[in-house]
């Protein structure tokens, strides 16, 4: 079932390219045009079958009924403002950024049919060369409408993600950023810091556990710097919470309190088991 006629994906990297592949596999769009800051990325996306055509400028958004903003968070607002005068009034625009409050607040003022989205999937790897056809299947996608969001548009966006196999969760933009500060941004910050404190000469003697627990530290530094800054207040709050927990563990060690230490570890174990 076709949901859209002409879709434009701006940012044909890992998420954008994987979205293109998924849309084509599910036959949800008649044609997909890809646009990238680096034309070579869009050309590769076409070669891999993620898009049908390579766009050369933002003018390609004219006549589209779906636009997906899949660029880094620090560029999403600017691109949205630039295309706002070029798109049809009934065009649906979504993004896939890791933060939502500022993005939704600013873009929804100029694009009435904008809905913030965040598929909770991906990889520490970047680029269309690493795209995954089934990336969104069985994943969670958070959608962040506002009180002004058109219900019919919202329903169509929900259907869009469900057709890709995602479980949809509705949150306010503010709540999204509070939650993700703990469940995504804090883990990245902790792991980056953990790798920073390990002496270089010790790495050759590292265990599989270290490699597994620090995999996400291989993520793109520039991309995550922008994510951290875009959710700075919430991340600082989550870091303070982490520092408190780390201080509790340190205190248990200093006092040689095995009972307290075991209770801290057991509580963490039980919580981890709830992740499945």
C-alpha atoms as a PDB file:
ATOM      1  CA  UNK A   1       0.000   0.000   0.000  1.00  0.00           C
ATOM      2  CA  UNK A   2       1.472   3.320  -1.085  1.00  0.00           C
ATOM      3  CA  UNK A   3       1.334   5.929   1.657  1.00  0.00           C
ATOM      4  CA  UNK A   4       3.194   8.607  -0.300  1.00  0.00           C
ATOM      5  CA  UNK A   5       3.882   9.472  -3.905  1.00  0.00           C
ATOM      6  CA  UNK A   6       7.145  11.421  -3.756  1.00  0.00           C
ATOM      7  CA  UNK A   7       9.492  11.207  -0.801  1.00  0.00           C
ATOM      8  CA  UNK A   8      12.689  13.185  -0.363  1.00  0.00           C
ATOM      9  CA  UNK A   9      15.317  11.959   2.101  1.00  0.00           C
ATOM     10  CA  UNK A  10      17.730  14.725   3.049  1.00  0.00           C
ATOM     11  CA  UNK A  11      20.756  12.986   4.488  1.00  0.00           C
ATOM     12  CA  UNK A  12      21.418   9.607   2.908  1.00  0.00           C
ATOM     13  CA  UNK A  13      23.637   8.199   5.645  1.00  0.00           C
ATOM     14  CA  UNK A  14      23.049   5.155   7.842  1.00  0.00           C
ATOM     15  CA  UNK A  15      19.537   6.079   9.017  1.00  0.00           C
ATOM     16  CA  UNK A  16      18.421   7.891   5.862  1.00  0.00           C
ATOM     17  CA  UNK A  17      19.716   5.164   3.571  1.00  0.00           C
ATOM     18  CA  UNK A  18      18.232   2.399   5.704  1.00  0.00           C
ATOM     19  CA  UNK A  19      14.892   4.226   5.661  1.00  0.00           C
ATOM     20  CA  UNK A  20      15.014   4.385   1.874  1.00  0.00           C
ATOM     21  CA  UNK A  21      15.636   0.646   1.631  1.00  0.00           C
ATOM     22  CA  UNK A  22      12.844  -0.133   4.076  1.00  0.00           C
ATOM     23  CA  UNK A  23      10.376   2.141   2.280  1.00  0.00           C
ATOM     24  CA  UNK A  24      11.142   0.483  -1.030  1.00  0.00           C
ATOM     25  CA  UNK A  25      10.866  -3.007   0.396  1.00  0.00           C
ATOM     26  CA  UNK A  26       7.457  -2.225   1.896  1.00  0.00           C
ATOM     27  CA  UNK A  27       6.336  -0.383  -1.276  1.00  0.00           C
ATOM     28  CA  UNK A  28       5.204   2.610   0.776  1.00  0.00           C
ATOM     29  CA  UNK A  29       6.418   5.284  -1.664  1.00  0.00           C
ATOM     30  CA  UNK A  30       6.210   5.617  -5.455  1.00  0.00           C
ATOM     31  CA  UNK A  31       9.572   7.366  -5.799  1.00  0.00           C
ATOM     32  CA  UNK A  32      12.376   8.363  -3.446  1.00  0.00           C
ATOM     33  CA  UNK A  33      14.850  11.166  -4.074  1.00  0.00           C
ATOM     34  CA  UNK A  34      17.967  11.337  -1.939  1.00  0.00           C
ATOM     35  CA  UNK A  35      19.941  14.462  -1.180  1.00  0.00           C
ATOM     36  CA  UNK A  36      23.246  14.628   0.660  1.00  0.00           C
ATOM     37  CA  UNK A  37      25.809  17.275   1.488  1.00  0.00           C
ATOM     38  CA  UNK A  38      28.278  14.970  -0.224  1.00  0.00           C
ATOM     39  CA  UNK A  39      26.893  13.959  -3.612  1.00  0.00           C
ATOM     40  CA  UNK A  40      28.965  10.792  -3.510  1.00  0.00           C
ATOM     41  CA  UNK A  41      26.884   9.536  -0.549  1.00  0.00           C
ATOM     42  CA  UNK A  42      23.641  10.025  -2.445  1.00  0.00           C
ATOM     43  CA  UNK A  43      25.124   8.325  -5.508  1.00  0.00           C
ATOM     44  CA  UNK A  44      26.111   5.354  -3.376  1.00  0.00           C
ATOM     45  CA  UNK A  45      22.604   5.282  -1.885  1.00  0.00           C
ATOM     46  CA  UNK A  46      21.195   5.033  -5.409  1.00  0.00           C
ATOM     47  CA  UNK A  47      23.640   2.282  -6.307  1.00  0.00           C
ATOM     48  CA  UNK A  48      22.603   0.262  -3.259  1.00  0.00           C
ATOM     49  CA  UNK A  49      18.911   0.700  -4.084  1.00  0.00           C
ATOM     50  CA  UNK A  50      18.052   2.957  -1.157  1.00  0.00           C
ATOM     51  CA  UNK A  51      16.803   5.778  -3.417  1.00  0.00           C
ATOM     52  CA  UNK A  52      15.575   6.115  -6.987  1.00  0.00           C
ATOM     53  CA  UNK A  53      17.117   9.459  -7.901  1.00  0.00           C
ATOM     54  CA  UNK A  54      19.915  11.710  -6.676  1.00  0.00           C
ATOM     55  CA  UNK A  55      18.877  15.283  -5.924  1.00  0.00           C
ATOM     56  CA  UNK A  56      21.191  18.169  -6.719  1.00  0.00           C
ATOM     57  CA  UNK A  57      19.645  20.930  -4.578  1.00  0.00           C
ATOM     58  CA  UNK A  58      16.876  21.607  -2.073  1.00  0.00           C
ATOM     59  CA  UNK A  59      14.626  22.461  -5.010  1.00  0.00           C
ATOM     60  CA  UNK A  60      13.836  18.734  -5.244  1.00  0.00           C
ATOM     61  CA  UNK A  61      11.448  19.099  -2.301  1.00  0.00           C
ATOM     62  CA  UNK A  62       8.914  20.819  -4.552  1.00  0.00           C
ATOM     63  CA  UNK A  63       5.945  18.534  -5.115  1.00  0.00           C
ATOM     64  CA  UNK A  64       6.975  16.059  -2.415  1.00  0.00           C
ATOM     65  CA  UNK A  65       4.347  14.765  -0.011  1.00  0.00           C
ATOM     66  CA  UNK A  66       6.922  13.360   2.420  1.00  0.00           C
ATOM     67  CA  UNK A  67      10.272  14.812   3.451  1.00  0.00           C
ATOM     68  CA  UNK A  68      12.591  13.026   5.867  1.00  0.00           C
ATOM     69  CA  UNK A  69      15.294  15.102   7.552  1.00  0.00           C
ATOM     70  CA  UNK A  70      18.038  12.605   8.375  1.00  0.00           C
ATOM     71  CA  UNK A  71      20.974  14.955   8.874  1.00  0.00           C
ATOM     72  CA  UNK A  72      22.918  15.623  12.113  1.00  0.00           C
ATOM     73  CA  UNK A  73      20.912  17.431  14.815  1.00  0.00           C
ATOM     74  CA  UNK A  74      22.790  20.712  14.395  1.00  0.00           C
ATOM     75  CA  UNK A  75      21.649  21.052  10.757  1.00  0.00           C
ATOM     76  CA  UNK A  76      18.029  19.861  10.932  1.00  0.00           C
ATOM     77  CA  UNK A  77      16.492  23.205  11.922  1.00  0.00           C
ATOM     78  CA  UNK A  78      18.417  25.177   9.314  1.00  0.00           C
ATOM     79  CA  UNK A  79      17.425  22.806   6.508  1.00  0.00           C
ATOM     80  CA  UNK A  80      13.799  22.840   7.615  1.00  0.00           C
ATOM     81  CA  UNK A  81      13.725  26.637   7.551  1.00  0.00           C
ATOM     82  CA  UNK A  82      15.269  26.646   4.080  1.00  0.00           C
ATOM     83  CA  UNK A  83      12.699  24.256   2.618  1.00  0.00           C
ATOM     84  CA  UNK A  84       9.665  25.714   4.415  1.00  0.00           C
ATOM     85  CA  UNK A  85       8.873  28.112   1.549  1.00  0.00           C
ATOM     86  CA  UNK A  86       9.457  25.494  -1.154  1.00  0.00           C
ATOM     87  CA  UNK A  87       7.143  22.692  -0.028  1.00  0.00           C
ATOM     88  CA  UNK A  88       3.428  22.189  -0.564  1.00  0.00           C
ATOM     89  CA  UNK A  89       1.261  23.169   2.397  1.00  0.00           C
ATOM     90  CA  UNK A  90       0.056  19.578   2.839  1.00  0.00           C
ATOM     91  CA  UNK A  91       3.548  18.050   2.707  1.00  0.00           C
ATOM     92  CA  UNK A  92       4.443  15.971   5.770  1.00  0.00           C
ATOM     93  CA  UNK A  93       7.922  16.580   7.160  1.00  0.00           C
ATOM     94  CA  UNK A  94       9.580  14.356   9.753  1.00  0.00           C
ATOM     95  CA  UNK A  95      13.057  14.154  11.221  1.00  0.00           C
ATOM     96  CA  UNK A  96      14.992  11.333  12.865  1.00  0.00           C
ATOM     97  CA  UNK A  97      17.168  13.394  15.221  1.00  0.00           C
ATOM     98  CA  UNK A  98      18.314  12.250  18.664  1.00  0.00           C
ATOM     99  CA  UNK A  99      16.935  15.332  20.441  1.00  0.00           C
ATOM    100  CA  UNK A 100      13.546  16.884  19.996  1.00  0.00           C
ATOM    101  CA  UNK A 101      12.586  19.898  22.111  1.00  0.00           C
ATOM    102  CA  UNK A 102      14.366  22.669  20.193  1.00  0.00           C
ATOM    103  CA  UNK A 103      13.835  20.993  16.823  1.00  0.00           C
ATOM    104  CA  UNK A 104      10.084  20.537  17.245  1.00  0.00           C
ATOM    105  CA  UNK A 105       9.588  23.971  18.805  1.00  0.00           C
ATOM    106  CA  UNK A 106      11.279  25.859  15.975  1.00  0.00           C
ATOM    107  CA  UNK A 107      10.266  23.805  12.950  1.00  0.00           C
ATOM    108  CA  UNK A 108       6.586  23.385  13.852  1.00  0.00           C
ATOM    109  CA  UNK A 109       6.211  27.180  13.746  1.00  0.00           C
ATOM    110  CA  UNK A 110       7.047  27.292  10.039  1.00  0.00           C
ATOM    111  CA  UNK A 111       5.976  23.822   8.873  1.00  0.00           C
ATOM    112  CA  UNK A 112       2.511  22.950  10.249  1.00  0.00           C
ATOM    113  CA  UNK A 113       2.760  19.290   9.205  1.00  0.00           C
ATOM    114  CA  UNK A 114       6.110  18.679  10.870  1.00  0.00           C
ATOM    115  CA  UNK A 115       6.311  15.817  13.351  1.00  0.00           C
ATOM    116  CA  UNK A 116       9.453  14.956  15.271  1.00  0.00           C
ATOM    117  CA  UNK A 117      10.450  11.284  15.211  1.00  0.00           C
ATOM    118  CA  UNK A 118      13.286   9.316  16.738  1.00  0.00           C
ATOM    119  CA  UNK A 119      13.774   5.667  15.736  1.00  0.00           C
ATOM    120  CA  UNK A 120      15.733   4.003  18.540  1.00  0.00           C
ATOM    121  CA  UNK A 121      18.029   1.991  16.343  1.00  0.00           C
ATOM    122  CA  UNK A 122      21.260   2.404  14.478  1.00  0.00           C
ATOM    123  CA  UNK A 123      24.906   1.666  15.027  1.00  0.00           C
ATOM    124  CA  UNK A 124      28.167   3.259  16.088  1.00  0.00           C
ATOM    125  CA  UNK A 125      29.055   3.057  12.398  1.00  0.00           C
ATOM    126  CA  UNK A 126      28.107   5.849  10.024  1.00  0.00           C
ATOM    127  CA  UNK A 127      27.435   6.220   6.341  1.00  0.00           C
ATOM    128  CA  UNK A 128      25.290   4.663   3.658  1.00  0.00           C
ATOM    129  CA  UNK A 129      27.852   1.873   3.232  1.00  0.00           C
ATOM    130  CA  UNK A 130      26.627   0.491   6.574  1.00  0.00           C
ATOM    131  CA  UNK A 131      22.876   0.720   5.883  1.00  0.00           C
ATOM    132  CA  UNK A 132      20.592  -2.068   7.082  1.00  0.00           C
ATOM    133  CA  UNK A 133      17.382  -3.017   5.303  1.00  0.00           C
ATOM    134  CA  UNK A 134      15.603  -4.345   8.389  1.00  0.00           C
ATOM    135  CA  UNK A 135      16.929  -1.746  10.829  1.00  0.00           C
ATOM    136  CA  UNK A 136      13.494  -0.538  11.947  1.00  0.00           C
ATOM    137  CA  UNK A 137      11.853  -3.931  12.294  1.00  0.00           C
ATOM    138  CA  UNK A 138      10.979  -4.653  15.948  1.00  0.00           C
ATOM    139  CA  UNK A 139      12.547  -1.366  17.062  1.00  0.00           C
ATOM    140  CA  UNK A 140      10.923   1.490  18.969  1.00  0.00           C
ATOM    141  CA  UNK A 141      10.182   4.817  17.322  1.00  0.00           C
ATOM    142  CA  UNK A 142       9.343   7.766  19.559  1.00  0.00           C
ATOM    143  CA  UNK A 143       7.018  10.327  17.984  1.00  0.00           C
ATOM    144  CA  UNK A 144       6.737  13.780  19.550  1.00  0.00           C
ATOM    145  CA  UNK A 145       3.608  15.641  18.434  1.00  0.00           C
ATOM    146  CA  UNK A 146       2.458  18.942  19.922  1.00  0.00           C
ATOM    147  CA  UNK A 147      -1.013  20.140  20.920  1.00  0.00           C
ATOM    148  CA  UNK A 148      -1.258  21.747  17.471  1.00  0.00           C
ATOM    149  CA  UNK A 149      -0.405  18.601  15.514  1.00  0.00           C
ATOM    150  CA  UNK A 150      -3.064  17.598  12.984  1.00  0.00           C
ATOM    151  CA  UNK A 151      -4.499  14.246  14.082  1.00  0.00           C
ATOM    152  CA  UNK A 152      -4.782  12.904  10.526  1.00  0.00           C
ATOM    153  CA  UNK A 153      -1.141  13.736   9.862  1.00  0.00           C
ATOM    154  CA  UNK A 154      -0.140  12.118  13.154  1.00  0.00           C
ATOM    155  CA  UNK A 155      -2.093   8.971  12.304  1.00  0.00           C
ATOM    156  CA  UNK A 156      -0.368   8.736   8.937  1.00  0.00           C
ATOM    157  CA  UNK A 157       3.087   9.117  10.502  1.00  0.00           C
ATOM    158  CA  UNK A 158       2.243   6.457  13.089  1.00  0.00           C
ATOM    159  CA  UNK A 159       1.101   4.127  10.296  1.00  0.00           C
ATOM    160  CA  UNK A 160       4.309   4.913   8.383  1.00  0.00           C
ATOM    161  CA  UNK A 161       6.510   3.677  11.234  1.00  0.00           C
ATOM    162  CA  UNK A 162       4.318   0.693  12.010  1.00  0.00           C
ATOM    163  CA  UNK A 163       4.517  -0.403   8.379  1.00  0.00           C
ATOM    164  CA  UNK A 164       8.303  -0.433   8.802  1.00  0.00           C
ATOM    165  CA  UNK A 165       7.895  -2.778  11.779  1.00  0.00           C
ATOM    166  CA  UNK A 166       8.454  -0.242  14.559  1.00  0.00           C
ATOM    167  CA  UNK A 167       6.591  -0.024  17.841  1.00  0.00           C
ATOM    168  CA  UNK A 168       5.443   3.562  18.219  1.00  0.00           C
ATOM    169  CA  UNK A 169       5.639   5.458  21.511  1.00  0.00           C
ATOM    170  CA  UNK A 170       4.200   8.959  21.866  1.00  0.00           C
ATOM    171  CA  UNK A 171       6.047  11.449  24.093  1.00  0.00           C
ATOM    172  CA  UNK A 172       6.186  15.212  24.371  1.00  0.00           C
ATOM    173  CA  UNK A 173       9.400  16.712  22.958  1.00  0.00           C
ATOM    174  CA  UNK A 174      10.524  17.721  26.460  1.00  0.00           C
ATOM    175  CA  UNK A 175       9.860  14.282  27.922  1.00  0.00           C
ATOM    176  CA  UNK A 176      11.704  12.655  25.019  1.00  0.00           C
ATOM    177  CA  UNK A 177      14.835  14.683  25.758  1.00  0.00           C
ATOM    178  CA  UNK A 178      14.633  13.922  29.487  1.00  0.00           C
ATOM    179  CA  UNK A 179      14.328  10.191  28.839  1.00  0.00           C
ATOM    180  CA  UNK A 180      17.013  10.001  26.152  1.00  0.00           C
ATOM    181  CA  UNK A 181      19.450  11.907  28.356  1.00  0.00           C
ATOM    182  CA  UNK A 182      19.450   8.842  30.636  1.00  0.00           C
ATOM    183  CA  UNK A 183      18.918   5.975  28.196  1.00  0.00           C
ATOM    184  CA  UNK A 184      21.172   7.084  25.330  1.00  0.00           C
ATOM    185  CA  UNK A 185      23.182  10.245  25.870  1.00  0.00           C
ATOM    186  CA  UNK A 186      24.429   9.369  29.375  1.00  0.00           C
ATOM    187  CA  UNK A 187      25.656   5.892  28.343  1.00  0.00           C
ATOM    188  CA  UNK A 188      27.608   7.445  25.488  1.00  0.00           C
ATOM    189  CA  UNK A 189      29.089  10.103  27.774  1.00  0.00           C
ATOM    190  CA  UNK A 190      30.075   7.494  30.360  1.00  0.00           C
ATOM    191  CA  UNK A 191      31.662   5.173  27.819  1.00  0.00           C
ATOM    192  CA  UNK A 192      33.583   8.000  26.132  1.00  0.00           C
ATOM    193  CA  UNK A 193      34.902   8.964  29.576  1.00  0.00           C
ATOM    194  CA  UNK A 194      35.683   5.366  30.491  1.00  0.00           C
ATOM    195  CA  UNK A 195      37.817   4.904  27.394  1.00  0.00           C
ATOM    196  CA  UNK A 196      39.518   8.209  28.154  1.00  0.00           C
ATOM    197  CA  UNK A 197      40.709   7.039  31.578  1.00  0.00           C
ATOM    198  CA  UNK A 198      42.203   3.698  30.504  1.00  0.00           C
ATOM    199  CA  UNK A 199      45.971   3.939  29.917  1.00  0.00           C
ATOM    200  CA  UNK A 200      46.887   3.259  26.301  1.00  0.00           C
ATOM    201  CA  UNK A 201      49.383   0.556  27.222  1.00  0.00           C
ATOM    202  CA  UNK A 202      46.651  -1.434  28.997  1.00  0.00           C
ATOM    203  CA  UNK A 203      44.457  -1.798  25.906  1.00  0.00           C
ATOM    204  CA  UNK A 204      46.372  -4.798  24.550  1.00  0.00           C
ATOM    205  CA  UNK A 205      45.367  -6.701  27.686  1.00  0.00           C
ATOM    206  CA  UNK A 206      41.679  -5.776  27.570  1.00  0.00           C
ATOM    207  CA  UNK A 207      38.918  -8.349  27.875  1.00  0.00           C
ATOM    208  CA  UNK A 208      35.934  -9.089  25.676  1.00  0.00           C
ATOM    209  CA  UNK A 209      33.848  -7.414  28.371  1.00  0.00           C
ATOM    210  CA  UNK A 210      35.611  -4.115  27.821  1.00  0.00           C
ATOM    211  CA  UNK A 211      35.120  -4.350  24.059  1.00  0.00           C
ATOM    212  CA  UNK A 212      31.427  -5.178  24.471  1.00  0.00           C
ATOM    213  CA  UNK A 213      30.691  -2.497  27.053  1.00  0.00           C
ATOM    214  CA  UNK A 214      32.547   0.252  25.187  1.00  0.00           C
ATOM    215  CA  UNK A 215      31.395  -0.480  21.618  1.00  0.00           C
ATOM    216  CA  UNK A 216      29.512   2.798  21.345  1.00  0.00           C
ATOM    217  CA  UNK A 217      32.662   4.806  22.070  1.00  0.00           C
ATOM    218  CA  UNK A 218      33.545   4.132  18.416  1.00  0.00           C
ATOM    219  CA  UNK A 219      30.677   6.463  17.452  1.00  0.00           C
ATOM    220  CA  UNK A 220      31.321   9.644  15.484  1.00  0.00           C
ATOM    221  CA  UNK A 221      32.811  12.292  17.774  1.00  0.00           C
ATOM    222  CA  UNK A 222      31.427  15.317  15.924  1.00  0.00           C
ATOM    223  CA  UNK A 223      27.927  13.876  15.730  1.00  0.00           C
ATOM    224  CA  UNK A 224      27.815  13.078  19.447  1.00  0.00           C
ATOM    225  CA  UNK A 225      29.302  16.415  20.435  1.00  0.00           C
ATOM    226  CA  UNK A 226      26.302  18.049  18.750  1.00  0.00           C
ATOM    227  CA  UNK A 227      23.863  15.636  20.399  1.00  0.00           C
ATOM    228  CA  UNK A 228      25.334  16.366  23.838  1.00  0.00           C
ATOM    229  CA  UNK A 229      25.173  20.131  23.310  1.00  0.00           C
ATOM    230  CA  UNK A 230      21.629  19.991  21.945  1.00  0.00           C
ATOM    231  CA  UNK A 231      20.460  18.248  25.143  1.00  0.00           C
ATOM    232  CA  UNK A 232      22.947  19.868  27.505  1.00  0.00           C
ATOM    233  CA  UNK A 233      20.705  20.561  30.522  1.00  0.00           C
ATOM    234  CA  UNK A 234      19.169  17.097  30.603  1.00  0.00           C
ATOM    235  CA  UNK A 235      22.530  15.427  30.072  1.00  0.00           C
ATOM    236  CA  UNK A 236      24.083  17.438  32.905  1.00  0.00           C
ATOM    237  CA  UNK A 237      21.242  16.293  35.184  1.00  0.00           C
ATOM    238  CA  UNK A 238      21.750  12.649  34.211  1.00  0.00           C
ATOM    239  CA  UNK A 239      25.520  12.985  34.721  1.00  0.00           C
ATOM    240  CA  UNK A 240      24.897  14.326  38.227  1.00  0.00           C
ATOM    241  CA  UNK A 241      22.711  11.304  38.961  1.00  0.00           C
ATOM    242  CA  UNK A 242      25.435   8.997  37.665  1.00  0.00           C
ATOM    243  CA  UNK A 243      28.069  10.746  39.772  1.00  0.00           C
ATOM    244  CA  UNK A 244      25.921  10.132  42.860  1.00  0.00           C
ATOM    245  CA  UNK A 245      25.658   6.421  42.096  1.00  0.00           C
ATOM    246  CA  UNK A 246      29.385   6.200  41.371  1.00  0.00           C
ATOM    247  CA  UNK A 247      30.121   7.966  44.665  1.00  0.00           C
ATOM    248  CA  UNK A 248      27.958   5.401  46.505  1.00  0.00           C
ATOM    249  CA  UNK A 249      29.979   2.569  44.985  1.00  0.00           C
ATOM    250  CA  UNK A 250      33.258   4.321  45.796  1.00  0.00           C
ATOM    251  CA  UNK A 251      32.153   4.834  49.397  1.00  0.00           C
ATOM    252  CA  UNK A 252      31.288   1.152  49.761  1.00  0.00           C
ATOM    253  CA  UNK A 253      34.781   0.283  48.530  1.00  0.00           C
ATOM    254  CA  UNK A 254      36.466   2.792  50.838  1.00  0.00           C
ATOM    255  CA  UNK A 255      34.622   1.364  53.836  1.00  0.00           C
ATOM    256  CA  UNK A 256      35.179  -2.241  52.689  1.00  0.00           C
ATOM    257  CA  UNK A 257      31.435  -2.682  53.071  1.00  0.00           C
ATOM    258  CA  UNK A 258      30.780  -5.884  51.152  1.00  0.00           C
ATOM    259  CA  UNK A 259      27.070  -5.933  52.019  1.00  0.00           C
ATOM    260  CA  UNK A 260      26.501  -2.420  50.645  1.00  0.00           C
ATOM    261  CA  UNK A 261      28.640  -3.148  47.607  1.00  0.00           C
ATOM    262  CA  UNK A 262      26.708  -6.334  46.831  1.00  0.00           C
ATOM    263  CA  UNK A 263      23.362  -4.551  47.217  1.00  0.00           C
ATOM    264  CA  UNK A 264      24.450  -1.861  44.724  1.00  0.00           C
ATOM    265  CA  UNK A 265      25.555  -4.476  42.201  1.00  0.00           C
ATOM    266  CA  UNK A 266      22.446  -6.613  42.720  1.00  0.00           C
ATOM    267  CA  UNK A 267      20.117  -3.643  42.209  1.00  0.00           C
ATOM    268  CA  UNK A 268      21.880  -2.854  38.959  1.00  0.00           C
ATOM    269  CA  UNK A 269      21.705  -6.500  37.867  1.00  0.00           C
ATOM    270  CA  UNK A 270      17.956  -6.702  38.488  1.00  0.00           C
ATOM    271  CA  UNK A 271      17.347  -3.484  36.581  1.00  0.00           C
ATOM    272  CA  UNK A 272      19.491  -4.704  33.669  1.00  0.00           C
ATOM    273  CA  UNK A 273      17.465  -7.935  33.513  1.00  0.00           C
ATOM    274  CA  UNK A 274      14.318  -5.900  32.859  1.00  0.00           C
ATOM    275  CA  UNK A 275      15.853  -4.773  29.547  1.00  0.00           C
ATOM    276  CA  UNK A 276      15.429  -8.315  28.247  1.00  0.00           C
END
